[in-house]
Structure formats: structure tokens, C-alpha cells
Amino acid sequence: MADEWNDLVLDEEFIRSAETSEPSARARMLAARWKAEQPEPQPWRSDEAPAGWFFSKARRKWWRR
């Protein structure tokens, strides 16, 4: 009796050719949460630099070398 699954190769090409994909657990959680209550709009990027990171004295000293 020949097994029809014997020659099946589960490689990247096989995975990428799948017709459907399931959303991640986080995406499902957020969708359920947002269905009940819409999130407030957030800016994509803040106008302020991260606290002390970019303009810190340590970075300026290293940059001048």
C-alpha cells in the first residue's frame, strides 16, 4: 500500500504557496479588544527625541573623535 504523503516536501516554497494565513495571537487579541472599544489615534513618530539618548554628552564625545 503506497502512502500518498511519502513524497511530500515541506520546504519554504510549500509554506509560501499556502492560500490562507492565520493572524497572530496578538492580532486576534487586539481585534477583539478594538471591536469593543476603538483605540485613540496615536502619532506614528514622536516629535521629541528619546529622553537623553540621541543628544547625550557621551554620544557627542564619541562623535568628535
N, C-alpha and C. Protein backbone atom coordinates (compact mmCIF):
# COMPACT_ATOMS: atom_id res chain seq x y z
N MET A 1 0.84 -1.19 0.00
CA MET A 1 0.00 0.00 0.00
C MET A 1 0.89 1.25 0.00
N ALA A 2 0.75 2.09 -1.02
CA ALA A 2 1.57 3.29 -1.14
C ALA A 2 0.94 4.44 -0.35
N ASP A 3 1.79 5.17 0.36
CA ASP A 3 1.32 6.32 1.13
C ASP A 3 1.42 7.57 0.26
N GLU A 4 0.30 8.27 0.08
CA GLU A 4 0.28 9.45 -0.80
C GLU A 4 1.08 10.62 -0.22
N TRP A 5 1.41 10.60 1.06
CA TRP A 5 2.15 11.70 1.69
C TRP A 5 3.65 11.42 1.71
N ASN A 6 4.10 10.30 1.19
CA ASN A 6 5.51 9.92 1.23
C ASN A 6 6.42 10.92 0.52
N ASP A 7 6.01 11.42 -0.62
CA ASP A 7 6.87 12.30 -1.42
C ASP A 7 6.65 13.78 -1.12
N LEU A 8 5.88 14.10 -0.12
CA LEU A 8 5.59 15.50 0.22
C LEU A 8 6.80 16.14 0.89
N VAL A 9 7.23 17.29 0.36
CA VAL A 9 8.37 18.02 0.93
C VAL A 9 7.84 19.32 1.52
N LEU A 10 8.02 19.49 2.82
CA LEU A 10 7.54 20.70 3.49
C LEU A 10 8.67 21.73 3.55
N ASP A 11 8.94 22.37 2.43
CA ASP A 11 10.00 23.36 2.37
C ASP A 11 9.40 24.76 2.32
N GLU A 12 10.25 25.76 2.18
CA GLU A 12 9.80 27.15 2.17
C GLU A 12 8.84 27.43 1.02
N GLU A 13 9.10 26.86 -0.13
CA GLU A 13 8.21 27.05 -1.29
C GLU A 13 6.80 26.53 -0.99
N PHE A 14 6.72 25.38 -0.32
CA PHE A 14 5.43 24.82 0.05
C PHE A 14 4.69 25.74 1.03
N ILE A 15 5.42 26.25 2.01
CA ILE A 15 4.82 27.12 3.02
C ILE A 15 4.32 28.42 2.39
N ARG A 16 5.14 29.03 1.54
CA ARG A 16 4.76 30.31 0.93
C ARG A 16 3.62 30.18 -0.08
N SER A 17 3.41 28.98 -0.61
CA SER A 17 2.34 28.79 -1.59
C SER A 17 0.99 28.56 -0.93
N ALA A 18 0.94 28.53 0.39
CA ALA A 18 -0.33 28.34 1.09
C ALA A 18 -1.27 29.49 0.77
N GLU A 19 -2.54 29.17 0.57
CA GLU A 19 -3.51 30.18 0.16
C GLU A 19 -4.02 31.01 1.32
N THR A 20 -4.03 30.48 2.51
CA THR A 20 -4.55 31.22 3.65
C THR A 20 -3.49 31.33 4.73
N SER A 21 -3.62 32.37 5.54
CA SER A 21 -2.73 32.51 6.69
C SER A 21 -3.56 32.98 7.88
N GLU A 22 -3.21 32.48 9.03
CA GLU A 22 -3.95 32.80 10.24
C GLU A 22 -3.29 34.00 10.91
N PRO A 23 -4.07 34.98 11.40
CA PRO A 23 -3.47 36.11 12.09
C PRO A 23 -2.82 35.66 13.40
N SER A 24 -1.84 36.42 13.84
CA SER A 24 -1.14 36.08 15.07
C SER A 24 -2.08 36.21 16.26
N ALA A 25 -1.67 35.64 17.38
CA ALA A 25 -2.48 35.72 18.60
C ALA A 25 -2.64 37.17 19.03
N ARG A 26 -1.58 37.96 18.89
CA ARG A 26 -1.67 39.37 19.26
C ARG A 26 -2.65 40.12 18.36
N ALA A 27 -2.64 39.82 17.07
CA ALA A 27 -3.57 40.47 16.15
C ALA A 27 -5.01 40.11 16.49
N ARG A 28 -5.25 38.85 16.83
CA ARG A 28 -6.60 38.44 17.22
C ARG A 28 -7.03 39.12 18.52
N MET A 29 -6.09 39.23 19.49
CA MET A 29 -6.41 39.87 20.76
C MET A 29 -6.76 41.35 20.55
N LEU A 30 -5.95 42.04 19.76
CA LEU A 30 -6.20 43.46 19.52
C LEU A 30 -7.49 43.67 18.74
N ALA A 31 -7.79 42.81 17.78
CA ALA A 31 -9.03 42.93 17.02
C ALA A 31 -10.24 42.78 17.94
N ALA A 32 -10.17 41.82 18.86
CA ALA A 32 -11.28 41.62 19.80
C ALA A 32 -11.42 42.81 20.74
N ARG A 33 -10.28 43.34 21.21
CA ARG A 33 -10.32 44.50 22.11
C ARG A 33 -10.85 45.73 21.39
N TRP A 34 -10.41 45.94 20.15
CA TRP A 34 -10.81 47.15 19.41
C TRP A 34 -12.25 47.06 18.92
N LYS A 35 -12.78 45.84 18.81
CA LYS A 35 -14.18 45.71 18.41
C LYS A 35 -15.08 46.31 19.48
N ALA A 36 -14.70 46.13 20.75
CA ALA A 36 -15.49 46.66 21.86
C ALA A 36 -15.24 48.16 22.06
N GLU A 37 -14.00 48.57 21.91
CA GLU A 37 -13.65 49.98 22.16
C GLU A 37 -12.56 50.42 21.19
N GLN A 38 -12.84 51.42 20.37
CA GLN A 38 -11.86 51.91 19.40
C GLN A 38 -10.67 52.56 20.11
N PRO A 39 -9.44 52.32 19.66
CA PRO A 39 -8.28 52.97 20.28
C PRO A 39 -8.21 54.43 19.86
N GLU A 40 -7.57 55.24 20.71
CA GLU A 40 -7.36 56.65 20.36
C GLU A 40 -6.26 56.74 19.32
N PRO A 41 -6.35 57.69 18.39
CA PRO A 41 -5.29 57.84 17.39
C PRO A 41 -3.96 58.21 18.04
N GLN A 42 -2.89 57.60 17.56
CA GLN A 42 -1.55 57.87 18.08
C GLN A 42 -0.68 58.35 16.93
N PRO A 43 0.23 59.31 17.19
CA PRO A 43 1.15 59.71 16.12
C PRO A 43 2.10 58.57 15.79
N TRP A 44 2.50 58.51 14.53
CA TRP A 44 3.41 57.44 14.12
C TRP A 44 4.76 57.60 14.78
N ARG A 45 5.27 58.84 14.81
CA ARG A 45 6.55 59.11 15.46
C ARG A 45 6.39 60.35 16.33
N SER A 46 7.07 60.34 17.43
CA SER A 46 7.00 61.48 18.33
C SER A 46 7.90 62.60 17.80
N ASP A 47 7.52 63.84 18.07
CA ASP A 47 8.36 64.97 17.67
C ASP A 47 9.56 65.12 18.59
N GLU A 48 9.47 64.56 19.79
CA GLU A 48 10.57 64.67 20.74
C GLU A 48 11.52 63.49 20.60
N ALA A 49 12.82 63.78 20.81
CA ALA A 49 13.81 62.71 20.78
C ALA A 49 13.66 61.86 22.04
N PRO A 50 14.11 60.61 22.01
CA PRO A 50 14.06 59.79 23.23
C PRO A 50 14.84 60.47 24.35
N ALA A 51 14.39 60.30 25.56
CA ALA A 51 14.95 61.00 26.71
C ALA A 51 16.45 60.76 26.85
N GLY A 52 17.25 61.75 26.49
CA GLY A 52 18.69 61.71 26.71
C GLY A 52 19.48 60.78 25.82
N TRP A 53 18.85 60.09 24.90
CA TRP A 53 19.61 59.12 24.12
C TRP A 53 20.39 59.77 22.99
N PHE A 54 19.72 60.48 22.12
CA PHE A 54 20.38 60.97 20.91
C PHE A 54 21.33 62.13 21.19
N PHE A 55 20.92 63.02 22.09
CA PHE A 55 21.72 64.21 22.34
C PHE A 55 22.52 64.11 23.62
N SER A 56 22.86 62.90 24.07
CA SER A 56 23.60 62.74 25.32
C SER A 56 25.05 63.18 25.12
N LYS A 57 25.67 63.57 26.23
CA LYS A 57 27.07 64.02 26.19
C LYS A 57 28.00 62.88 25.77
N ALA A 58 27.71 61.68 26.20
CA ALA A 58 28.57 60.55 25.85
C ALA A 58 28.61 60.34 24.35
N ARG A 59 27.50 60.48 23.68
CA ARG A 59 27.49 60.31 22.22
C ARG A 59 28.24 61.44 21.54
N ARG A 60 28.13 62.67 22.07
CA ARG A 60 28.82 63.81 21.45
C ARG A 60 30.32 63.63 21.55
N LYS A 61 30.81 63.16 22.69
CA LYS A 61 32.24 62.96 22.87
C LYS A 61 32.75 61.89 21.91
N TRP A 62 31.99 60.81 21.76
CA TRP A 62 32.40 59.74 20.86
C TRP A 62 32.40 60.24 19.41
N TRP A 63 31.42 61.06 19.05
CA TRP A 63 31.27 61.53 17.67
C TRP A 63 32.42 62.43 17.26
N ARG A 64 32.97 63.21 18.17
CA ARG A 64 34.05 64.16 17.84
C ARG A 64 35.37 63.48 17.55
N ARG A 65 35.56 62.27 18.01
CA ARG A 65 36.87 61.60 17.84
C ARG A 65 37.22 61.38 16.41
